[in-house]
Amino acid sequence: MLCPSHGAGATDYVSETFQSGTEQGGYDGPHGSLRYLEWCWDPDPSDHTYLVDYAFQPCDSSGSVRVEHDRHVEGLFPLGQSGCGCCERQVSSPATLRFTTRMSTIRWISSWV
């Protein structure tokens, strides 16, 4: 997620509510389709990061399918410390953060097809 004031990165989850998990979805368009899997997990709970692995399967109009992988290292901080670090704004609602990020991801992957 980006800070609304400056565009700097802010965390998508907070440590108090983080749970590993997966989400999947897809998109069918006139020129192709896309399926994706998102896997959020924390290999080291003692630090302030977690991993997000994405698997994308775009399919073009000819029916050709390929598989792409992308990994993100994201920040994981306590609720009161989840601001962007460049200003006084702090995150107060994990649900709002996740929804905002999810919509950005969906718009981004939909642009692949």
PDB file of N, CA and C in Angstrom:
ATOM      1  N   MET A   1       0.847  -1.179   0.000  1.00  0.00           N
ATOM      2  CA  MET A   1       0.000   0.000   0.000  1.00  0.00           C
ATOM      3  C   MET A   1       0.884   1.230   0.000  1.00  0.00           C
ATOM      4  N   LEU A   2       0.386   2.302  -0.597  1.00  0.00           N
ATOM      5  CA  LEU A   2       1.136   3.546  -0.625  1.00  0.00           C
ATOM      6  C   LEU A   2       0.536   4.547   0.343  1.00  0.00           C
ATOM      7  N   CYS A   3       1.408   5.333   0.966  1.00  0.00           N
ATOM      8  CA  CYS A   3       0.961   6.387   1.863  1.00  0.00           C
ATOM      9  C   CYS A   3       0.134   7.397   1.064  1.00  0.00           C
ATOM     10  N   PRO A   4      -1.072   7.739   1.532  1.00  0.00           N
ATOM     11  CA  PRO A   4      -1.903   8.694   0.805  1.00  0.00           C
ATOM     12  C   PRO A   4      -1.266  10.078   0.687  1.00  0.00           C
ATOM     13  N   SER A   5      -0.368  10.425   1.602  1.00  0.00           N
ATOM     14  CA  SER A   5       0.246  11.748   1.572  1.00  0.00           C
ATOM     15  C   SER A   5       1.450  11.822   0.643  1.00  0.00           C
ATOM     16  N   HIS A   6       2.294  10.776   0.645  1.00  0.00           N
ATOM     17  CA  HIS A   6       3.570  10.870  -0.045  1.00  0.00           C
ATOM     18  C   HIS A   6       3.847   9.756  -1.044  1.00  0.00           C
ATOM     19  N   GLY A   7       3.042   8.719  -1.065  1.00  0.00           N
ATOM     20  CA  GLY A   7       3.279   7.624  -1.987  1.00  0.00           C
ATOM     21  C   GLY A   7       4.339   6.645  -1.517  1.00  0.00           C
ATOM     22  N   ALA A   8       4.862   6.797  -0.320  1.00  0.00           N
ATOM     23  CA  ALA A   8       5.846   5.848   0.208  1.00  0.00           C
ATOM     24  C   ALA A   8       5.125   4.587   0.663  1.00  0.00           C
ATOM     25  N   GLY A   9       5.856   3.484   0.720  1.00  0.00           N
ATOM     26  CA  GLY A   9       5.252   2.208   1.073  1.00  0.00           C
ATOM     27  C   GLY A   9       4.818   2.132   2.519  1.00  0.00           C
ATOM     28  N   ALA A  10       3.709   1.481   2.755  1.00  0.00           N
ATOM     29  CA  ALA A  10       3.225   1.174   4.099  1.00  0.00           C
ATOM     30  C   ALA A  10       2.798  -0.285   4.094  1.00  0.00           C
ATOM     31  N   THR A  11       2.732  -0.880   5.267  1.00  0.00           N
ATOM     32  CA  THR A  11       2.431  -2.300   5.373  1.00  0.00           C
ATOM     33  C   THR A  11       0.990  -2.633   5.018  1.00  0.00           C
ATOM     34  N   ASP A  12       0.751  -3.848   4.505  1.00  0.00           N
ATOM     35  CA  ASP A  12      -0.593  -4.316   4.171  1.00  0.00           C
ATOM     36  C   ASP A  12      -1.269  -4.991   5.354  1.00  0.00           C
ATOM     37  N   TYR A  13      -0.478  -5.573   6.231  1.00  0.00           N
ATOM     38  CA  TYR A  13      -0.980  -6.250   7.422  1.00  0.00           C
ATOM     39  C   TYR A  13      -0.311  -5.632   8.647  1.00  0.00           C
ATOM     40  N   VAL A  14      -0.857  -5.918   9.807  1.00  0.00           N
ATOM     41  CA  VAL A  14      -0.207  -5.553  11.060  1.00  0.00           C
ATOM     42  C   VAL A  14       0.055  -6.837  11.827  1.00  0.00           C
ATOM     43  N   SER A  15       1.085  -6.823  12.669  1.00  0.00           N
ATOM     44  CA  SER A  15       1.516  -8.047  13.339  1.00  0.00           C
ATOM     45  C   SER A  15       0.437  -8.639  14.245  1.00  0.00           C
ATOM     46  N   GLU A  16      -0.428  -7.793  14.814  1.00  0.00           N
ATOM     47  CA  GLU A  16      -1.469  -8.292  15.715  1.00  0.00           C
ATOM     48  C   GLU A  16      -2.497  -9.173  15.006  1.00  0.00           C
ATOM     49  N   THR A  17      -2.693  -8.976  13.725  1.00  0.00           N
ATOM     50  CA  THR A  17      -3.757  -9.716  13.024  1.00  0.00           C
ATOM     51  C   THR A  17      -3.260 -10.560  11.857  1.00  0.00           C
ATOM     52  N   PHE A  18      -1.955 -10.598  11.614  1.00  0.00           N
ATOM     53  CA  PHE A  18      -1.442 -11.339  10.462  1.00  0.00           C
ATOM     54  C   PHE A  18      -1.709 -12.833  10.587  1.00  0.00           C
ATOM     55  N   GLN A  19      -2.188 -13.430   9.492  1.00  0.00           N
ATOM     56  CA  GLN A  19      -2.348 -14.872   9.380  1.00  0.00           C
ATOM     57  C   GLN A  19      -1.884 -15.278   7.995  1.00  0.00           C
ATOM     58  N   SER A  20      -1.074 -16.327   7.938  1.00  0.00           N
ATOM     59  CA  SER A  20      -0.680 -16.850   6.638  1.00  0.00           C
ATOM     60  C   SER A  20      -1.925 -17.343   5.911  1.00  0.00           C
ATOM     61  N   GLY A  21      -1.874 -17.282   4.585  1.00  0.00           N
ATOM     62  CA  GLY A  21      -3.021 -17.768   3.830  1.00  0.00           C
ATOM     63  C   GLY A  21      -2.841 -17.577   2.343  1.00  0.00           C
ATOM     64  N   THR A  22      -3.829 -18.019   1.616  1.00  0.00           N
ATOM     65  CA  THR A  22      -3.815 -17.891   0.163  1.00  0.00           C
ATOM     66  C   THR A  22      -5.105 -17.252  -0.315  1.00  0.00           C
ATOM     67  N   GLU A  23      -5.011 -16.631  -1.452  1.00  0.00           N
ATOM     68  CA  GLU A  23      -6.173 -16.122  -2.169  1.00  0.00           C
ATOM     69  C   GLU A  23      -5.951 -16.425  -3.639  1.00  0.00           C
ATOM     70  N   GLN A  24      -7.008 -16.631  -4.359  1.00  0.00           N
ATOM     71  CA  GLN A  24      -6.889 -16.902  -5.783  1.00  0.00           C
ATOM     72  C   GLN A  24      -8.028 -16.219  -6.515  1.00  0.00           C
ATOM     73  N   GLY A  25      -7.848 -16.093  -7.791  1.00  0.00           N
ATOM     74  CA  GLY A  25      -8.880 -15.467  -8.600  1.00  0.00           C
ATOM     75  C   GLY A  25      -8.513 -15.519 -10.060  1.00  0.00           C
ATOM     76  N   GLY A  26      -9.228 -14.744 -10.811  1.00  0.00           N
ATOM     77  CA  GLY A  26      -8.965 -14.727 -12.236  1.00  0.00           C
ATOM     78  C   GLY A  26      -9.770 -13.666 -12.942  1.00  0.00           C
ATOM     79  N   TYR A  27      -9.537 -13.615 -14.213  1.00  0.00           N
ATOM     80  CA  TYR A  27     -10.168 -12.616 -15.060  1.00  0.00           C
ATOM     81  C   TYR A  27     -10.252 -13.198 -16.463  1.00  0.00           C
ATOM     82  N   ASP A  28     -11.398 -13.075 -17.085  1.00  0.00           N
ATOM     83  CA  ASP A  28     -11.578 -13.488 -18.475  1.00  0.00           C
ATOM     84  C   ASP A  28     -11.925 -12.267 -19.294  1.00  0.00           C
ATOM     85  N   GLY A  29     -11.127 -11.997 -20.315  1.00  0.00           N
ATOM     86  CA  GLY A  29     -11.348 -10.846 -21.167  1.00  0.00           C
ATOM     87  C   GLY A  29     -11.471 -11.260 -22.623  1.00  0.00           C
ATOM     88  N   PRO A  30     -11.761 -10.326 -23.472  1.00  0.00           N
ATOM     89  CA  PRO A  30     -11.949 -10.637 -24.889  1.00  0.00           C
ATOM     90  C   PRO A  30     -10.666 -11.088 -25.585  1.00  0.00           C
ATOM     91  N   HIS A  31      -9.506 -10.779 -25.012  1.00  0.00           N
ATOM     92  CA  HIS A  31      -8.238 -11.124 -25.659  1.00  0.00           C
ATOM     93  C   HIS A  31      -7.412 -12.138 -24.873  1.00  0.00           C
ATOM     94  N   GLY A  32      -7.977 -12.686 -23.803  1.00  0.00           N
ATOM     95  CA  GLY A  32      -7.256 -13.668 -23.013  1.00  0.00           C
ATOM     96  C   GLY A  32      -7.813 -13.766 -21.607  1.00  0.00           C
ATOM     97  N   SER A  33      -7.174 -14.600 -20.835  1.00  0.00           N
ATOM     98  CA  SER A  33      -7.613 -14.840 -19.456  1.00  0.00           C
ATOM     99  C   SER A  33      -6.399 -14.853 -18.536  1.00  0.00           C
ATOM    100  N   LEU A  34      -6.674 -14.782 -17.250  1.00  0.00           N
ATOM    101  CA  LEU A  34      -5.611 -14.822 -16.264  1.00  0.00           C
ATOM    102  C   LEU A  34      -6.134 -15.531 -15.027  1.00  0.00           C
ATOM    103  N   ARG A  35      -5.307 -16.398 -14.456  1.00  0.00           N
ATOM    104  CA  ARG A  35      -5.579 -16.997 -13.159  1.00  0.00           C
ATOM    105  C   ARG A  35      -4.389 -16.685 -12.278  1.00  0.00           C
ATOM    106  N   TYR A  36      -4.652 -16.467 -10.973  1.00  0.00           N
ATOM    107  CA  TYR A  36      -3.561 -16.143 -10.071  1.00  0.00           C
ATOM    108  C   TYR A  36      -3.772 -16.775  -8.709  1.00  0.00           C
ATOM    109  N   LEU A  37      -2.659 -16.979  -8.026  1.00  0.00           N
ATOM    110  CA  LEU A  37      -2.637 -17.455  -6.659  1.00  0.00           C
ATOM    111  C   LEU A  37      -1.723 -16.523  -5.875  1.00  0.00           C
ATOM    112  N   GLU A  38      -2.178 -16.071  -4.730  1.00  0.00           N
ATOM    113  CA  GLU A  38      -1.377 -15.249  -3.835  1.00  0.00           C
ATOM    114  C   GLU A  38      -1.204 -16.016  -2.536  1.00  0.00           C
ATOM    115  N   TRP A  39       0.036 -16.156  -2.094  1.00  0.00           N
ATOM    116  CA  TRP A  39       0.338 -16.883  -0.871  1.00  0.00           C
ATOM    117  C   TRP A  39       1.124 -15.964   0.055  1.00  0.00           C
ATOM    118  N   CYS A  40       0.528 -15.580   1.175  1.00  0.00           N
ATOM    119  CA  CYS A  40       1.181 -14.742   2.182  1.00  0.00           C
ATOM    120  C   CYS A  40       1.634 -15.646   3.320  1.00  0.00           C
ATOM    121  N   TRP A  41       2.904 -15.513   3.689  1.00  0.00           N
ATOM    122  CA  TRP A  41       3.421 -16.341   4.779  1.00  0.00           C
ATOM    123  C   TRP A  41       4.605 -15.661   5.438  1.00  0.00           C
ATOM    124  N   ASP A  42       4.887 -16.073   6.672  1.00  0.00           N
ATOM    125  CA  ASP A  42       5.951 -15.452   7.460  1.00  0.00           C
ATOM    126  C   ASP A  42       6.959 -16.513   7.888  1.00  0.00           C
ATOM    127  N   PRO A  43       8.061 -16.661   7.157  1.00  0.00           N
ATOM    128  CA  PRO A  43       9.039 -17.690   7.496  1.00  0.00           C
ATOM    129  C   PRO A  43       9.820 -17.391   8.774  1.00  0.00           C
ATOM    130  N   ASP A  44       9.832 -16.132   9.224  1.00  0.00           N
ATOM    131  CA  ASP A  44      10.587 -15.766  10.432  1.00  0.00           C
ATOM    132  C   ASP A  44       9.756 -14.788  11.266  1.00  0.00           C
ATOM    133  N   PRO A  45       8.914 -15.303  12.165  1.00  0.00           N
ATOM    134  CA  PRO A  45       8.053 -14.424  12.969  1.00  0.00           C
ATOM    135  C   PRO A  45       8.805 -13.448  13.873  1.00  0.00           C
ATOM    136  N   SER A  46      10.119 -13.616  14.045  1.00  0.00           N
ATOM    137  CA  SER A  46      10.866 -12.720  14.923  1.00  0.00           C
ATOM    138  C   SER A  46      11.272 -11.420  14.240  1.00  0.00           C
ATOM    139  N   ASP A  47      11.137 -11.324  12.904  1.00  0.00           N
ATOM    140  CA  ASP A  47      11.489 -10.072  12.227  1.00  0.00           C
ATOM    141  C   ASP A  47      10.222  -9.295  11.864  1.00  0.00           C
ATOM    142  N   HIS A  48      10.366  -8.229  11.132  1.00  0.00           N
ATOM    143  CA  HIS A  48       9.228  -7.382  10.759  1.00  0.00           C
ATOM    144  C   HIS A  48       8.902  -7.484   9.275  1.00  0.00           C
ATOM    145  N   THR A  49       9.040  -8.682   8.715  1.00  0.00           N
ATOM    146  CA  THR A  49       8.687  -8.885   7.312  1.00  0.00           C
ATOM    147  C   THR A  49       7.900 -10.174   7.153  1.00  0.00           C
ATOM    148  N   TYR A  50       7.209 -10.275   6.031  1.00  0.00           N
ATOM    149  CA  TYR A  50       6.571 -11.514   5.600  1.00  0.00           C
ATOM    150  C   TYR A  50       6.722 -11.587   4.093  1.00  0.00           C
ATOM    151  N   LEU A  51       6.481 -12.747   3.533  1.00  0.00           N
ATOM    152  CA  LEU A  51       6.617 -12.936   2.094  1.00  0.00           C
ATOM    153  C   LEU A  51       5.253 -13.084   1.439  1.00  0.00           C
ATOM    154  N   VAL A  52       5.166 -12.587   0.210  1.00  0.00           N
ATOM    155  CA  VAL A  52       3.986 -12.804  -0.619  1.00  0.00           C
ATOM    156  C   VAL A  52       4.486 -13.362  -1.943  1.00  0.00           C
ATOM    157  N   ASP A  53       4.086 -14.587  -2.231  1.00  0.00           N
ATOM    158  CA  ASP A  53       4.415 -15.214  -3.504  1.00  0.00           C
ATOM    159  C   ASP A  53       3.183 -15.207  -4.383  1.00  0.00           C
ATOM    160  N   TYR A  54       3.373 -14.785  -5.626  1.00  0.00           N
ATOM    161  CA  TYR A  54       2.296 -14.754  -6.606  1.00  0.00           C
ATOM    162  C   TYR A  54       2.613 -15.740  -7.718  1.00  0.00           C
ATOM    163  N   ALA A  55       1.641 -16.516  -8.117  1.00  0.00           N
ATOM    164  CA  ALA A  55       1.749 -17.354  -9.308  1.00  0.00           C
ATOM    165  C   ALA A  55       0.679 -16.860 -10.277  1.00  0.00           C
ATOM    166  N   PHE A  56       1.105 -16.474 -11.467  1.00  0.00           N
ATOM    167  CA  PHE A  56       0.188 -15.971 -12.494  1.00  0.00           C
ATOM    168  C   PHE A  56       0.182 -16.935 -13.671  1.00  0.00           C
ATOM    169  N   GLN A  57      -0.985 -17.187 -14.224  1.00  0.00           N
ATOM    170  CA  GLN A  57      -1.108 -18.003 -15.421  1.00  0.00           C
ATOM    171  C   GLN A  57      -1.916 -17.230 -16.465  1.00  0.00           C
ATOM    172  N   PRO A  58      -1.247 -16.395 -17.250  1.00  0.00           N
ATOM    173  CA  PRO A  58      -1.959 -15.705 -18.324  1.00  0.00           C
ATOM    174  C   PRO A  58      -2.161 -16.645 -19.516  1.00  0.00           C
ATOM    175  N   CYS A  59      -3.284 -16.504 -20.157  1.00  0.00           N
ATOM    176  CA  CYS A  59      -3.634 -17.289 -21.343  1.00  0.00           C
ATOM    177  C   CYS A  59      -4.023 -16.302 -22.445  1.00  0.00           C
ATOM    178  N   ASP A  60      -3.311 -16.341 -23.565  1.00  0.00           N
ATOM    179  CA  ASP A  60      -3.630 -15.396 -24.640  1.00  0.00           C
ATOM    180  C   ASP A  60      -4.765 -15.922 -25.508  1.00  0.00           C
ATOM    181  N   SER A  61      -5.161 -15.149 -26.490  1.00  0.00           N
ATOM    182  CA  SER A  61      -6.323 -15.498 -27.321  1.00  0.00           C
ATOM    183  C   SER A  61      -6.117 -16.773 -28.140  1.00  0.00           C
ATOM    184  N   SER A  62      -4.859 -17.214 -28.331  1.00  0.00           N
ATOM    185  CA  SER A  62      -4.600 -18.454 -29.067  1.00  0.00           C
ATOM    186  C   SER A  62      -4.706 -19.678 -28.162  1.00  0.00           C
ATOM    187  N   GLY A  63      -4.851 -19.468 -26.858  1.00  0.00           N
ATOM    188  CA  GLY A  63      -4.931 -20.567 -25.911  1.00  0.00           C
ATOM    189  C   GLY A  63      -3.596 -20.929 -25.287  1.00  0.00           C
ATOM    190  N   SER A  64      -2.544 -20.192 -25.615  1.00  0.00           N
ATOM    191  CA  SER A  64      -1.228 -20.443 -25.045  1.00  0.00           C
ATOM    192  C   SER A  64      -1.175 -19.937 -23.603  1.00  0.00           C
ATOM    193  N   VAL A  65      -0.764 -20.822 -22.694  1.00  0.00           N
ATOM    194  CA  VAL A  65      -0.696 -20.485 -21.274  1.00  0.00           C
ATOM    195  C   VAL A  65       0.765 -20.503 -20.828  1.00  0.00           C
ATOM    196  N   ARG A  66       1.141 -19.520 -20.037  1.00  0.00           N
ATOM    197  CA  ARG A  66       2.465 -19.525 -19.427  1.00  0.00           C
ATOM    198  C   ARG A  66       2.309 -19.308 -17.920  1.00  0.00           C
ATOM    199  N   VAL A  67       3.360 -19.600 -17.178  1.00  0.00           N
ATOM    200  CA  VAL A  67       3.331 -19.455 -15.727  1.00  0.00           C
ATOM    201  C   VAL A  67       4.420 -18.466 -15.327  1.00  0.00           C
ATOM    202  N   GLU A  68       4.060 -17.506 -14.491  1.00  0.00           N
ATOM    203  CA  GLU A  68       4.990 -16.494 -13.986  1.00  0.00           C
ATOM    204  C   GLU A  68       4.946 -16.513 -12.461  1.00  0.00           C
ATOM    205  N   HIS A  69       6.088 -16.233 -11.839  1.00  0.00           N
ATOM    206  CA  HIS A  69       6.168 -16.153 -10.384  1.00  0.00           C
ATOM    207  C   HIS A  69       6.751 -14.790  -9.998  1.00  0.00           C
ATOM    208  N   ASP A  70       6.219 -14.213  -8.926  1.00  0.00           N
ATOM    209  CA  ASP A  70       6.730 -12.945  -8.419  1.00  0.00           C
ATOM    210  C   ASP A  70       6.713 -13.024  -6.897  1.00  0.00           C
ATOM    211  N   ARG A  71       7.795 -12.583  -6.239  1.00  0.00           N
ATOM    212  CA  ARG A  71       7.874 -12.596  -4.778  1.00  0.00           C
ATOM    213  C   ARG A  71       8.054 -11.171  -4.274  1.00  0.00           C
ATOM    214  N   HIS A  72       7.282 -10.831  -3.245  1.00  0.00           N
ATOM    215  CA  HIS A  72       7.394  -9.536  -2.581  1.00  0.00           C
ATOM    216  C   HIS A  72       7.770  -9.764  -1.124  1.00  0.00           C
ATOM    217  N   VAL A  73       8.683  -8.961  -0.609  1.00  0.00           N
ATOM    218  CA  VAL A  73       8.993  -8.935   0.819  1.00  0.00           C
ATOM    219  C   VAL A  73       8.292  -7.696   1.362  1.00  0.00           C
ATOM    220  N   GLU A  74       7.386  -7.901   2.306  1.00  0.00           N
ATOM    221  CA  GLU A  74       6.548  -6.820   2.804  1.00  0.00           C
ATOM    222  C   GLU A  74       6.800  -6.591   4.288  1.00  0.00           C
ATOM    223  N   GLY A  75       6.479  -5.381   4.762  1.00  0.00           N
ATOM    224  CA  GLY A  75       6.670  -5.025   6.158  1.00  0.00           C
ATOM    225  C   GLY A  75       5.527  -5.503   7.034  1.00  0.00           C
ATOM    226  N   LEU A  76       5.855  -5.877   8.266  1.00  0.00           N
ATOM    227  CA  LEU A  76       4.869  -6.359   9.230  1.00  0.00           C
ATOM    228  C   LEU A  76       5.205  -5.740  10.585  1.00  0.00           C
ATOM    229  N   PHE A  77       4.410  -4.745  11.003  1.00  0.00           N
ATOM    230  CA  PHE A  77       4.697  -3.989  12.214  1.00  0.00           C
ATOM    231  C   PHE A  77       3.474  -3.941  13.110  1.00  0.00           C
ATOM    232  N   PRO A  78       3.663  -3.600  14.377  1.00  0.00           N
ATOM    233  CA  PRO A  78       2.511  -3.421  15.272  1.00  0.00           C
ATOM    234  C   PRO A  78       1.597  -2.300  14.751  1.00  0.00           C
ATOM    235  N   LEU A  79       0.332  -2.373  15.103  1.00  0.00           N
ATOM    236  CA  LEU A  79      -0.677  -1.445  14.598  1.00  0.00           C
ATOM    237  C   LEU A  79      -0.279   0.013  14.732  1.00  0.00           C
ATOM    238  N   GLY A  80       0.195   0.457  15.862  1.00  0.00           N
ATOM    239  CA  GLY A  80       0.547   1.854  16.063  1.00  0.00           C
ATOM    240  C   GLY A  80       1.802   2.298  15.341  1.00  0.00           C
ATOM    241  N   GLN A  81       2.582   1.368  14.774  1.00  0.00           N
ATOM    242  CA  GLN A  81       3.830   1.702  14.099  1.00  0.00           C
ATOM    243  C   GLN A  81       3.769   1.425  12.602  1.00  0.00           C
ATOM    244  N   SER A  82       2.572   1.353  12.040  1.00  0.00           N
ATOM    245  CA  SER A  82       2.427   0.948  10.649  1.00  0.00           C
ATOM    246  C   SER A  82       2.329   2.103   9.670  1.00  0.00           C
ATOM    247  N   GLY A  83       2.762   3.287  10.072  1.00  0.00           N
ATOM    248  CA  GLY A  83       2.756   4.412   9.162  1.00  0.00           C
ATOM    249  C   GLY A  83       3.844   4.267   8.112  1.00  0.00           C
ATOM    250  N   CYS A  84       3.872   5.172   7.176  1.00  0.00           N
ATOM    251  CA  CYS A  84       4.830   5.068   6.087  1.00  0.00           C
ATOM    252  C   CYS A  84       6.234   5.436   6.514  1.00  0.00           C
ATOM    253  N   GLY A  85       6.393   6.073   7.666  1.00  0.00           N
ATOM    254  CA  GLY A  85       7.710   6.446   8.135  1.00  0.00           C
ATOM    255  C   GLY A  85       8.131   7.824   7.664  1.00  0.00           C
ATOM    256  N   CYS A  86       7.413   8.411   6.708  1.00  0.00           N
ATOM    257  CA  CYS A  86       7.788   9.725   6.188  1.00  0.00           C
ATOM    258  C   CYS A  86       6.881  10.820   6.735  1.00  0.00           C
ATOM    259  N   CYS A  87       5.860  10.444   7.471  1.00  0.00           N
ATOM    260  CA  CYS A  87       4.944  11.461   7.999  1.00  0.00           C
ATOM    261  C   CYS A  87       4.292  10.923   9.273  1.00  0.00           C
ATOM    262  N   GLU A  88       3.371  11.666   9.825  1.00  0.00           N
ATOM    263  CA  GLU A  88       2.733  11.280  11.078  1.00  0.00           C
ATOM    264  C   GLU A  88       1.543  10.342  10.879  1.00  0.00           C
ATOM    265  N   ARG A  89       1.142  10.095   9.653  1.00  0.00           N
ATOM    266  CA  ARG A  89      -0.008   9.226   9.420  1.00  0.00           C
ATOM    267  C   ARG A  89       0.309   7.813   9.854  1.00  0.00           C
ATOM    268  N   GLN A  90      -0.640   7.192  10.539  1.00  0.00           N
ATOM    269  CA  GLN A  90      -0.460   5.809  10.955  1.00  0.00           C
ATOM    270  C   GLN A  90      -1.679   5.004  10.540  1.00  0.00           C
ATOM    271  N   VAL A  91      -1.464   3.740  10.312  1.00  0.00           N
ATOM    272  CA  VAL A  91      -2.538   2.845   9.911  1.00  0.00           C
ATOM    273  C   VAL A  91      -3.386   2.508  11.127  1.00  0.00           C
ATOM    274  N   SER A  92      -4.692   2.635  10.990  1.00  0.00           N
ATOM    275  CA  SER A  92      -5.566   2.308  12.107  1.00  0.00           C
ATOM    276  C   SER A  92      -6.542   1.202  11.772  1.00  0.00           C
ATOM    277  N   SER A  93      -6.595   0.758  10.510  1.00  0.00           N
ATOM    278  CA  SER A  93      -7.556  -0.266  10.129  1.00  0.00           C
ATOM    279  C   SER A  93      -6.936  -1.276   9.172  1.00  0.00           C
ATOM    280  N   PRO A  94      -6.565  -2.465   9.666  1.00  0.00           N
ATOM    281  CA  PRO A  94      -6.003  -3.483   8.784  1.00  0.00           C
ATOM    282  C   PRO A  94      -6.949  -3.856   7.650  1.00  0.00           C
ATOM    283  N   ALA A  95      -8.255  -3.864   7.898  1.00  0.00           N
ATOM    284  CA  ALA A  95      -9.204  -4.235   6.848  1.00  0.00           C
ATOM    285  C   ALA A  95      -9.161  -3.243   5.693  1.00  0.00           C
ATOM    286  N   THR A  96      -9.067  -1.957   5.982  1.00  0.00           N
ATOM    287  CA  THR A  96      -8.976  -0.940   4.933  1.00  0.00           C
ATOM    288  C   THR A  96      -7.695  -1.098   4.144  1.00  0.00           C
ATOM    289  N   LEU A  97      -6.590  -1.372   4.823  1.00  0.00           N
ATOM    290  CA  LEU A  97      -5.316  -1.584   4.144  1.00  0.00           C
ATOM    291  C   LEU A  97      -5.400  -2.730   3.158  1.00  0.00           C
ATOM    292  N   ARG A  98      -5.924  -3.873   3.595  1.00  0.00           N
ATOM    293  CA  ARG A  98      -5.945  -5.059   2.743  1.00  0.00           C
ATOM    294  C   ARG A  98      -6.860  -4.842   1.544  1.00  0.00           C
ATOM    295  N   PHE A  99      -8.008  -4.209   1.745  1.00  0.00           N
ATOM    296  CA  PHE A  99      -8.922  -3.951   0.638  1.00  0.00           C
ATOM    297  C   PHE A  99      -8.263  -3.047  -0.401  1.00  0.00           C
ATOM    298  N   THR A 100      -7.614  -1.986   0.050  1.00  0.00           N
ATOM    299  CA  THR A 100      -6.957  -1.055  -0.864  1.00  0.00           C
ATOM    300  C   THR A 100      -5.879  -1.758  -1.677  1.00  0.00           C
ATOM    301  N   THR A 101      -5.066  -2.565  -1.026  1.00  0.00           N
ATOM    302  CA  THR A 101      -4.005  -3.286  -1.713  1.00  0.00           C
ATOM    303  C   THR A 101      -4.586  -4.315  -2.670  1.00  0.00           C
ATOM    304  N   ARG A 102      -5.604  -5.033  -2.243  1.00  0.00           N
ATOM    305  CA  ARG A 102      -6.232  -6.053  -3.085  1.00  0.00           C
ATOM    306  C   ARG A 102      -6.757  -5.426  -4.380  1.00  0.00           C
ATOM    307  N   MET A 103      -7.402  -4.277  -4.299  1.00  0.00           N
ATOM    308  CA  MET A 103      -7.944  -3.643  -5.501  1.00  0.00           C
ATOM    309  C   MET A 103      -6.819  -3.215  -6.436  1.00  0.00           C
ATOM    310  N   SER A 104      -5.706  -2.722  -5.890  1.00  0.00           N
ATOM    311  CA  SER A 104      -4.563  -2.350  -6.725  1.00  0.00           C
ATOM    312  C   SER A 104      -3.985  -3.569  -7.424  1.00  0.00           C
ATOM    313  N   THR A 105      -3.866  -4.684  -6.715  1.00  0.00           N
ATOM    314  CA  THR A 105      -3.336  -5.913  -7.307  1.00  0.00           C
ATOM    315  C   THR A 105      -4.251  -6.417  -8.403  1.00  0.00           C
ATOM    316  N   ILE A 106      -5.540  -6.408  -8.171  1.00  0.00           N
ATOM    317  CA  ILE A 106      -6.488  -6.880  -9.181  1.00  0.00           C
ATOM    318  C   ILE A 106      -6.414  -6.017 -10.436  1.00  0.00           C
ATOM    319  N   ARG A 107      -6.329  -4.703 -10.278  1.00  0.00           N
ATOM    320  CA  ARG A 107      -6.196  -3.833 -11.453  1.00  0.00           C
ATOM    321  C   ARG A 107      -4.898  -4.130 -12.191  1.00  0.00           C
ATOM    322  N   TRP A 108      -3.807  -4.375 -11.462  1.00  0.00           N
ATOM    323  CA  TRP A 108      -2.522  -4.635 -12.084  1.00  0.00           C
ATOM    324  C   TRP A 108      -2.536  -5.945 -12.859  1.00  0.00           C
ATOM    325  N   ILE A 109      -3.043  -7.033 -12.248  1.00  0.00           N
ATOM    326  CA  ILE A 109      -3.006  -8.303 -12.960  1.00  0.00           C
ATOM    327  C   ILE A 109      -4.021  -8.340 -14.097  1.00  0.00           C
ATOM    328  N   SER A 110      -5.101  -7.593 -13.992  1.00  0.00           N
ATOM    329  CA  SER A 110      -6.069  -7.541 -15.090  1.00  0.00           C
ATOM    330  C   SER A 110      -5.495  -6.878 -16.325  1.00  0.00           C
ATOM    331  N   SER A 111      -4.467  -6.065 -16.143  1.00  0.00           N
ATOM    332  CA  SER A 111      -3.854  -5.398 -17.299  1.00  0.00           C
ATOM    333  C   SER A 111      -2.972  -6.358 -18.118  1.00  0.00           C
ATOM    334  N   TRP A 112      -2.735  -7.571 -17.616  1.00  0.00           N
ATOM    335  CA  TRP A 112      -1.925  -8.551 -18.330  1.00  0.00           C
ATOM    336  C   TRP A 112      -2.645  -9.167 -19.514  1.00  0.00           C
ATOM    337  N   VAL A 113      -3.983  -9.145 -19.504  1.00  0.00           N
ATOM    338  CA  VAL A 113      -4.725  -9.814 -20.583  1.00  0.00           C
ATOM    339  C   VAL A 113      -5.527  -8.821 -21.387  1.00  0.00           C
TER     340      VAL A 113
END
